[in-house]
Amino acid sequence: MKIDDPVPFTLTERGELLAKRLRIEELEHILRHFDRASMHLLHYVNGIDGMPNADEWQLVKEQIDDMVDPYGPRHPYR
């Protein structure tokens, strides 16, 4: 075996489970962020009396942009 040859790698069952656990924790974190942001938006919108003015619409748009990007639910670390 030479130094530049690739090292054979097989994912162990324990490693695979750890990777899946980390992915699940990341998804739970994203969902908590999404849930918190959507509740803030809901409370804000419920507090608007009548039709929103331009400033209120802008704040609603900013809150939605905080939750969603063009690819779906926004990752809280971006």
PDB file of N, CA and C in Angstrom:
ATOM      1  N   MET A   1       0.841  -1.182   0.000  1.00  0.00           N
ATOM      2  CA  MET A   1       0.000   0.000   0.000  1.00  0.00           C
ATOM      3  C   MET A   1       0.888   1.248   0.000  1.00  0.00           C
ATOM      4  N   LYS A   2       0.641   2.146  -0.938  1.00  0.00           N
ATOM      5  CA  LYS A   2       1.399   3.394  -1.036  1.00  0.00           C
ATOM      6  C   LYS A   2       0.748   4.457  -0.150  1.00  0.00           C
ATOM      7  N   ILE A   3       1.455   5.520   0.073  1.00  0.00           N
ATOM      8  CA  ILE A   3       0.948   6.619   0.902  1.00  0.00           C
ATOM      9  C   ILE A   3      -0.256   7.294   0.256  1.00  0.00           C
ATOM     10  N   ASP A   4      -0.263   7.420  -1.065  1.00  0.00           N
ATOM     11  CA  ASP A   4      -1.345   8.111  -1.765  1.00  0.00           C
ATOM     12  C   ASP A   4      -2.557   7.235  -2.038  1.00  0.00           C
ATOM     13  N   ASP A   5      -2.477   5.959  -1.751  1.00  0.00           N
ATOM     14  CA  ASP A   5      -3.623   5.070  -1.968  1.00  0.00           C
ATOM     15  C   ASP A   5      -4.745   5.414  -0.994  1.00  0.00           C
ATOM     16  N   PRO A   6      -5.994   5.338  -1.462  1.00  0.00           N
ATOM     17  CA  PRO A   6      -7.111   5.630  -0.545  1.00  0.00           C
ATOM     18  C   PRO A   6      -7.201   4.585   0.564  1.00  0.00           C
ATOM     19  N   VAL A   7      -7.588   5.043   1.710  1.00  0.00           N
ATOM     20  CA  VAL A   7      -7.756   4.152   2.855  1.00  0.00           C
ATOM     21  C   VAL A   7      -9.137   3.528   2.760  1.00  0.00           C
ATOM     22  N   PRO A   8      -9.209   2.194   2.844  1.00  0.00           N
ATOM     23  CA  PRO A   8     -10.534   1.574   2.799  1.00  0.00           C
ATOM     24  C   PRO A   8     -11.367   2.035   3.990  1.00  0.00           C
ATOM     25  N   PHE A   9     -12.598   2.415   3.716  1.00  0.00           N
ATOM     26  CA  PHE A   9     -13.460   2.937   4.777  1.00  0.00           C
ATOM     27  C   PHE A   9     -14.835   2.305   4.668  1.00  0.00           C
ATOM     28  N   THR A  10     -15.277   1.752   5.761  1.00  0.00           N
ATOM     29  CA  THR A  10     -16.653   1.250   5.830  1.00  0.00           C
ATOM     30  C   THR A  10     -17.274   1.829   7.088  1.00  0.00           C
ATOM     31  N   LEU A  11     -18.458   2.336   6.932  1.00  0.00           N
ATOM     32  CA  LEU A  11     -19.171   2.938   8.047  1.00  0.00           C
ATOM     33  C   LEU A  11     -19.692   1.838   8.958  1.00  0.00           C
ATOM     34  N   THR A  12     -19.363   1.934  10.212  1.00  0.00           N
ATOM     35  CA  THR A  12     -19.848   0.930  11.157  1.00  0.00           C
ATOM     36  C   THR A  12     -21.294   1.230  11.520  1.00  0.00           C
ATOM     37  N   GLU A  13     -21.962   0.254  12.057  1.00  0.00           N
ATOM     38  CA  GLU A  13     -23.362   0.443  12.462  1.00  0.00           C
ATOM     39  C   GLU A  13     -23.457   1.523  13.538  1.00  0.00           C
ATOM     40  N   ARG A  14     -22.501   1.527  14.468  1.00  0.00           N
ATOM     41  CA  ARG A  14     -22.502   2.538  15.531  1.00  0.00           C
ATOM     42  C   ARG A  14     -22.291   3.937  14.949  1.00  0.00           C
ATOM     43  N   GLY A  15     -21.383   4.052  13.995  1.00  0.00           N
ATOM     44  CA  GLY A  15     -21.136   5.340  13.353  1.00  0.00           C
ATOM     45  C   GLY A  15     -22.348   5.817  12.567  1.00  0.00           C
ATOM     46  N   GLU A  16     -23.010   4.897  11.902  1.00  0.00           N
ATOM     47  CA  GLU A  16     -24.209   5.248  11.151  1.00  0.00           C
ATOM     48  C   GLU A  16     -25.316   5.732  12.084  1.00  0.00           C
ATOM     49  N   LEU A  17     -25.485   5.066  13.215  1.00  0.00           N
ATOM     50  CA  LEU A  17     -26.499   5.489  14.183  1.00  0.00           C
ATOM     51  C   LEU A  17     -26.162   6.852  14.772  1.00  0.00           C
ATOM     52  N   LEU A  18     -24.890   7.095  15.039  1.00  0.00           N
ATOM     53  CA  LEU A  18     -24.477   8.395  15.568  1.00  0.00           C
ATOM     54  C   LEU A  18     -24.756   9.499  14.549  1.00  0.00           C
ATOM     55  N   ALA A  19     -24.455   9.245  13.277  1.00  0.00           N
ATOM     56  CA  ALA A  19     -24.721  10.241  12.232  1.00  0.00           C
ATOM     57  C   ALA A  19     -26.218  10.531  12.132  1.00  0.00           C
ATOM     58  N   LYS A  20     -27.038   9.503  12.203  1.00  0.00           N
ATOM     59  CA  LYS A  20     -28.486   9.705  12.143  1.00  0.00           C
ATOM     60  C   LYS A  20     -28.986  10.460  13.369  1.00  0.00           C
ATOM     61  N   ARG A  21     -28.436  10.153  14.538  1.00  0.00           N
ATOM     62  CA  ARG A  21     -28.835  10.870  15.758  1.00  0.00           C
ATOM     63  C   ARG A  21     -28.491  12.348  15.647  1.00  0.00           C
ATOM     64  N   LEU A  22     -27.303  12.668  15.115  1.00  0.00           N
ATOM     65  CA  LEU A  22     -26.916  14.074  14.946  1.00  0.00           C
ATOM     66  C   LEU A  22     -27.826  14.785  13.952  1.00  0.00           C
ATOM     67  N   ARG A  23     -28.195  14.089  12.886  1.00  0.00           N
ATOM     68  CA  ARG A  23     -29.104  14.682  11.887  1.00  0.00           C
ATOM     69  C   ARG A  23     -30.479  14.947  12.497  1.00  0.00           C
ATOM     70  N   ILE A  24     -30.975  14.014  13.303  1.00  0.00           N
ATOM     71  CA  ILE A  24     -32.271  14.199  13.957  1.00  0.00           C
ATOM     72  C   ILE A  24     -32.218  15.384  14.912  1.00  0.00           C
ATOM     73  N   GLU A  25     -31.127  15.517  15.680  1.00  0.00           N
ATOM     74  CA  GLU A  25     -30.983  16.659  16.586  1.00  0.00           C
ATOM     75  C   GLU A  25     -30.958  17.975  15.819  1.00  0.00           C
ATOM     76  N   GLU A  26     -30.287  17.989  14.665  1.00  0.00           N
ATOM     77  CA  GLU A  26     -30.246  19.197  13.842  1.00  0.00           C
ATOM     78  C   GLU A  26     -31.641  19.548  13.325  1.00  0.00           C
ATOM     79  N   LEU A  27     -32.390  18.547  12.864  1.00  0.00           N
ATOM     80  CA  LEU A  27     -33.749  18.795  12.373  1.00  0.00           C
ATOM     81  C   LEU A  27     -34.662  19.281  13.497  1.00  0.00           C
ATOM     82  N   GLU A  28     -34.519  18.722  14.695  1.00  0.00           N
ATOM     83  CA  GLU A  28     -35.318  19.185  15.828  1.00  0.00           C
ATOM     84  C   GLU A  28     -35.005  20.641  16.144  1.00  0.00           C
ATOM     85  N   HIS A  29     -33.737  21.028  16.054  1.00  0.00           N
ATOM     86  CA  HIS A  29     -33.344  22.414  16.302  1.00  0.00           C
ATOM     87  C   HIS A  29     -33.976  23.351  15.269  1.00  0.00           C
ATOM     88  N   ILE A  30     -33.956  22.941  14.009  1.00  0.00           N
ATOM     89  CA  ILE A  30     -34.569  23.746  12.945  1.00  0.00           C
ATOM     90  C   ILE A  30     -36.066  23.887  13.189  1.00  0.00           C
ATOM     91  N   LEU A  31     -36.730  22.793  13.567  1.00  0.00           N
ATOM     92  CA  LEU A  31     -38.174  22.847  13.818  1.00  0.00           C
ATOM     93  C   LEU A  31     -38.516  23.735  15.014  1.00  0.00           C
ATOM     94  N   ARG A  32     -37.706  23.695  16.067  1.00  0.00           N
ATOM     95  CA  ARG A  32     -37.950  24.583  17.212  1.00  0.00           C
ATOM     96  C   ARG A  32     -37.833  26.042  16.796  1.00  0.00           C
ATOM     97  N   HIS A  33     -36.819  26.353  15.991  1.00  0.00           N
ATOM     98  CA  HIS A  33     -36.647  27.723  15.493  1.00  0.00           C
ATOM     99  C   HIS A  33     -37.842  28.136  14.637  1.00  0.00           C
ATOM    100  N   PHE A  34     -38.263  27.248  13.739  1.00  0.00           N
ATOM    101  CA  PHE A  34     -39.395  27.524  12.853  1.00  0.00           C
ATOM    102  C   PHE A  34     -40.672  27.722  13.662  1.00  0.00           C
ATOM    103  N   ASP A  35     -40.894  26.890  14.663  1.00  0.00           N
ATOM    104  CA  ASP A  35     -42.081  26.991  15.511  1.00  0.00           C
ATOM    105  C   ASP A  35     -42.076  28.304  16.291  1.00  0.00           C
ATOM    106  N   ARG A  36     -40.937  28.663  16.863  1.00  0.00           N
ATOM    107  CA  ARG A  36     -40.829  29.909  17.633  1.00  0.00           C
ATOM    108  C   ARG A  36     -41.079  31.121  16.736  1.00  0.00           C
ATOM    109  N   ALA A  37     -40.466  31.127  15.555  1.00  0.00           N
ATOM    110  CA  ALA A  37     -40.634  32.258  14.638  1.00  0.00           C
ATOM    111  C   ALA A  37     -42.066  32.361  14.140  1.00  0.00           C
ATOM    112  N   SER A  38     -42.712  31.225  13.869  1.00  0.00           N
ATOM    113  CA  SER A  38     -44.095  31.274  13.389  1.00  0.00           C
ATOM    114  C   SER A  38     -45.040  31.737  14.494  1.00  0.00           C
ATOM    115  N   MET A  39     -44.748  31.409  15.742  1.00  0.00           N
ATOM    116  CA  MET A  39     -45.586  31.899  16.843  1.00  0.00           C
ATOM    117  C   MET A  39     -45.428  33.408  17.006  1.00  0.00           C
ATOM    118  N   HIS A  40     -44.206  33.925  16.859  1.00  0.00           N
ATOM    119  CA  HIS A  40     -44.009  35.374  16.931  1.00  0.00           C
ATOM    120  C   HIS A  40     -44.820  36.064  15.838  1.00  0.00           C
ATOM    121  N   LEU A  41     -44.788  35.503  14.636  1.00  0.00           N
ATOM    122  CA  LEU A  41     -45.546  36.068  13.521  1.00  0.00           C
ATOM    123  C   LEU A  41     -47.044  36.011  13.794  1.00  0.00           C
ATOM    124  N   LEU A  42     -47.522  34.888  14.304  1.00  0.00           N
ATOM    125  CA  LEU A  42     -48.946  34.746  14.610  1.00  0.00           C
ATOM    126  C   LEU A  42     -49.398  35.793  15.630  1.00  0.00           C
ATOM    127  N   HIS A  43     -48.630  35.971  16.690  1.00  0.00           N
ATOM    128  CA  HIS A  43     -49.009  36.955  17.709  1.00  0.00           C
ATOM    129  C   HIS A  43     -48.971  38.376  17.148  1.00  0.00           C
ATOM    130  N   TYR A  44     -47.980  38.662  16.294  1.00  0.00           N
ATOM    131  CA  TYR A  44     -47.909  39.991  15.704  1.00  0.00           C
ATOM    132  C   TYR A  44     -49.104  40.248  14.797  1.00  0.00           C
ATOM    133  N   VAL A  45     -49.422  39.286  13.942  1.00  0.00           N
ATOM    134  CA  VAL A  45     -50.534  39.457  13.001  1.00  0.00           C
ATOM    135  C   VAL A  45     -51.856  39.569  13.753  1.00  0.00           C
ATOM    136  N   ASN A  46     -52.030  38.802  14.813  1.00  0.00           N
ATOM    137  CA  ASN A  46     -53.260  38.907  15.611  1.00  0.00           C
ATOM    138  C   ASN A  46     -53.395  40.271  16.285  1.00  0.00           C
ATOM    139  N   GLY A  47     -52.268  40.942  16.513  1.00  0.00           N
ATOM    140  CA  GLY A  47     -52.302  42.260  17.138  1.00  0.00           C
ATOM    141  C   GLY A  47     -52.594  43.395  16.176  1.00  0.00           C
ATOM    142  N   ILE A  48     -52.578  43.131  14.876  1.00  0.00           N
ATOM    143  CA  ILE A  48     -52.860  44.170  13.887  1.00  0.00           C
ATOM    144  C   ILE A  48     -54.365  44.378  13.825  1.00  0.00           C
ATOM    145  N   ASP A  49     -54.765  45.630  13.923  1.00  0.00           N
ATOM    146  CA  ASP A  49     -56.190  45.965  13.875  1.00  0.00           C
ATOM    147  C   ASP A  49     -56.527  46.469  12.476  1.00  0.00           C
ATOM    148  N   GLY A  50     -57.398  45.763  11.780  1.00  0.00           N
ATOM    149  CA  GLY A  50     -57.779  46.158  10.420  1.00  0.00           C
ATOM    150  C   GLY A  50     -56.706  45.771   9.413  1.00  0.00           C
ATOM    151  N   MET A  51     -56.656  46.521   8.314  1.00  0.00           N
ATOM    152  CA  MET A  51     -55.653  46.263   7.277  1.00  0.00           C
ATOM    153  C   MET A  51     -54.297  46.804   7.715  1.00  0.00           C
ATOM    154  N   PRO A  52     -53.243  46.034   7.518  1.00  0.00           N
ATOM    155  CA  PRO A  52     -51.907  46.505   7.916  1.00  0.00           C
ATOM    156  C   PRO A  52     -51.444  47.660   7.033  1.00  0.00           C
ATOM    157  N   ASN A  53     -50.688  48.570   7.629  1.00  0.00           N
ATOM    158  CA  ASN A  53     -50.094  49.647   6.842  1.00  0.00           C
ATOM    159  C   ASN A  53     -48.770  49.145   6.255  1.00  0.00           C
ATOM    160  N   ALA A  54     -48.064  49.999   5.547  1.00  0.00           N
ATOM    161  CA  ALA A  54     -46.829  49.585   4.860  1.00  0.00           C
ATOM    162  C   ALA A  54     -45.768  49.095   5.839  1.00  0.00           C
ATOM    163  N   ASP A  55     -45.631  49.768   6.972  1.00  0.00           N
ATOM    164  CA  ASP A  55     -44.629  49.346   7.960  1.00  0.00           C
ATOM    165  C   ASP A  55     -44.969  47.984   8.559  1.00  0.00           C
ATOM    166  N   GLU A  56     -46.255  47.752   8.822  1.00  0.00           N
ATOM    167  CA  GLU A  56     -46.673  46.458   9.371  1.00  0.00           C
ATOM    168  C   GLU A  56     -46.465  45.338   8.350  1.00  0.00           C
ATOM    169  N   TRP A  57     -46.767  45.619   7.076  1.00  0.00           N
ATOM    170  CA  TRP A  57     -46.520  44.618   6.032  1.00  0.00           C
ATOM    171  C   TRP A  57     -45.030  44.307   5.933  1.00  0.00           C
ATOM    172  N   GLN A  58     -44.200  45.321   6.036  1.00  0.00           N
ATOM    173  CA  GLN A  58     -42.749  45.118   5.961  1.00  0.00           C
ATOM    174  C   GLN A  58     -42.269  44.232   7.102  1.00  0.00           C
ATOM    175  N   LEU A  59     -42.777  44.462   8.304  1.00  0.00           N
ATOM    176  CA  LEU A  59     -42.386  43.631   9.445  1.00  0.00           C
ATOM    177  C   LEU A  59     -42.849  42.185   9.263  1.00  0.00           C
ATOM    178  N   VAL A  60     -44.061  41.995   8.730  1.00  0.00           N
ATOM    179  CA  VAL A  60     -44.548  40.637   8.450  1.00  0.00           C
ATOM    180  C   VAL A  60     -43.630  39.968   7.429  1.00  0.00           C
ATOM    181  N   LYS A  61     -43.270  40.694   6.368  1.00  0.00           N
ATOM    182  CA  LYS A  61     -42.371  40.138   5.344  1.00  0.00           C
ATOM    183  C   LYS A  61     -41.024  39.755   5.942  1.00  0.00           C
ATOM    184  N   GLU A  62     -40.474  40.595   6.808  1.00  0.00           N
ATOM    185  CA  GLU A  62     -39.187  40.300   7.435  1.00  0.00           C
ATOM    186  C   GLU A  62     -39.274  39.060   8.329  1.00  0.00           C
ATOM    187  N   GLN A  63     -40.384  38.917   9.040  1.00  0.00           N
ATOM    188  CA  GLN A  63     -40.549  37.741   9.894  1.00  0.00           C
ATOM    189  C   GLN A  63     -40.676  36.468   9.061  1.00  0.00           C
ATOM    190  N   ILE A  64     -41.369  36.556   7.931  1.00  0.00           N
ATOM    191  CA  ILE A  64     -41.480  35.384   7.052  1.00  0.00           C
ATOM    192  C   ILE A  64     -40.122  35.060   6.440  1.00  0.00           C
ATOM    193  N   ASP A  65     -39.372  36.077   6.028  1.00  0.00           N
ATOM    194  CA  ASP A  65     -38.034  35.859   5.472  1.00  0.00           C
ATOM    195  C   ASP A  65     -37.107  35.209   6.502  1.00  0.00           C
ATOM    196  N   ASP A  66     -37.331  35.486   7.786  1.00  0.00           N
ATOM    197  CA  ASP A  66     -36.532  34.876   8.843  1.00  0.00           C
ATOM    198  C   ASP A  66     -36.832  33.384   8.974  1.00  0.00           C
ATOM    199  N   MET A  67     -38.033  32.967   8.564  1.00  0.00           N
ATOM    200  CA  MET A  67     -38.433  31.569   8.700  1.00  0.00           C
ATOM    201  C   MET A  67     -38.150  30.748   7.450  1.00  0.00           C
ATOM    202  N   VAL A  68     -38.272  31.358   6.262  1.00  0.00           N
ATOM    203  CA  VAL A  68     -38.227  30.596   5.012  1.00  0.00           C
ATOM    204  C   VAL A  68     -37.287  31.279   4.028  1.00  0.00           C
ATOM    205  N   ASP A  69     -36.490  30.465   3.338  1.00  0.00           N
ATOM    206  CA  ASP A  69     -35.704  30.983   2.231  1.00  0.00           C
ATOM    207  C   ASP A  69     -36.173  30.276   0.957  1.00  0.00           C
ATOM    208  N   PRO A  70     -35.594  30.550  -0.199  1.00  0.00           N
ATOM    209  CA  PRO A  70     -36.096  29.927  -1.437  1.00  0.00           C
ATOM    210  C   PRO A  70     -36.073  28.397  -1.438  1.00  0.00           C
ATOM    211  N   TYR A  71     -35.325  27.803  -0.513  1.00  0.00           N
ATOM    212  CA  TYR A  71     -35.198  26.344  -0.490  1.00  0.00           C
ATOM    213  C   TYR A  71     -36.091  25.683   0.548  1.00  0.00           C
ATOM    214  N   GLY A  72     -36.868  26.464   1.288  1.00  0.00           N
ATOM    215  CA  GLY A  72     -37.745  25.891   2.308  1.00  0.00           C
ATOM    216  C   GLY A  72     -37.468  26.507   3.674  1.00  0.00           C
ATOM    217  N   PRO A  73     -37.786  25.783   4.739  1.00  0.00           N
ATOM    218  CA  PRO A  73     -37.540  26.328   6.078  1.00  0.00           C
ATOM    219  C   PRO A  73     -36.068  26.723   6.239  1.00  0.00           C
ATOM    220  N   ARG A  74     -35.874  27.911   6.753  1.00  0.00           N
ATOM    221  CA  ARG A  74     -34.525  28.470   6.868  1.00  0.00           C
ATOM    222  C   ARG A  74     -33.793  27.839   8.032  1.00  0.00           C
ATOM    223  N   HIS A  75     -32.518  27.553   7.822  1.00  0.00           N
ATOM    224  CA  HIS A  75     -31.677  27.003   8.875  1.00  0.00           C
ATOM    225  C   HIS A  75     -31.321  28.140   9.838  1.00  0.00           C
ATOM    226  N   PRO A  76     -31.509  27.941  11.153  1.00  0.00           N
ATOM    227  CA  PRO A  76     -31.281  29.031  12.105  1.00  0.00           C
ATOM    228  C   PRO A  76     -29.859  29.550  12.158  1.00  0.00           C
ATOM    229  N   TYR A  77     -28.885  28.802  11.668  1.00  0.00           N
ATOM    230  CA  TYR A  77     -27.494  29.245  11.741  1.00  0.00           C
ATOM    231  C   TYR A  77     -27.079  30.112  10.558  1.00  0.00           C
ATOM    232  N   ARG A  78     -27.943  30.282   9.568  1.00  0.00           N
ATOM    233  CA  ARG A  78     -27.596  31.101   8.400  1.00  0.00           C
ATOM    234  C   ARG A  78     -27.962  32.526   8.620  1.00  0.00           C
TER     235      ARG A  78
END
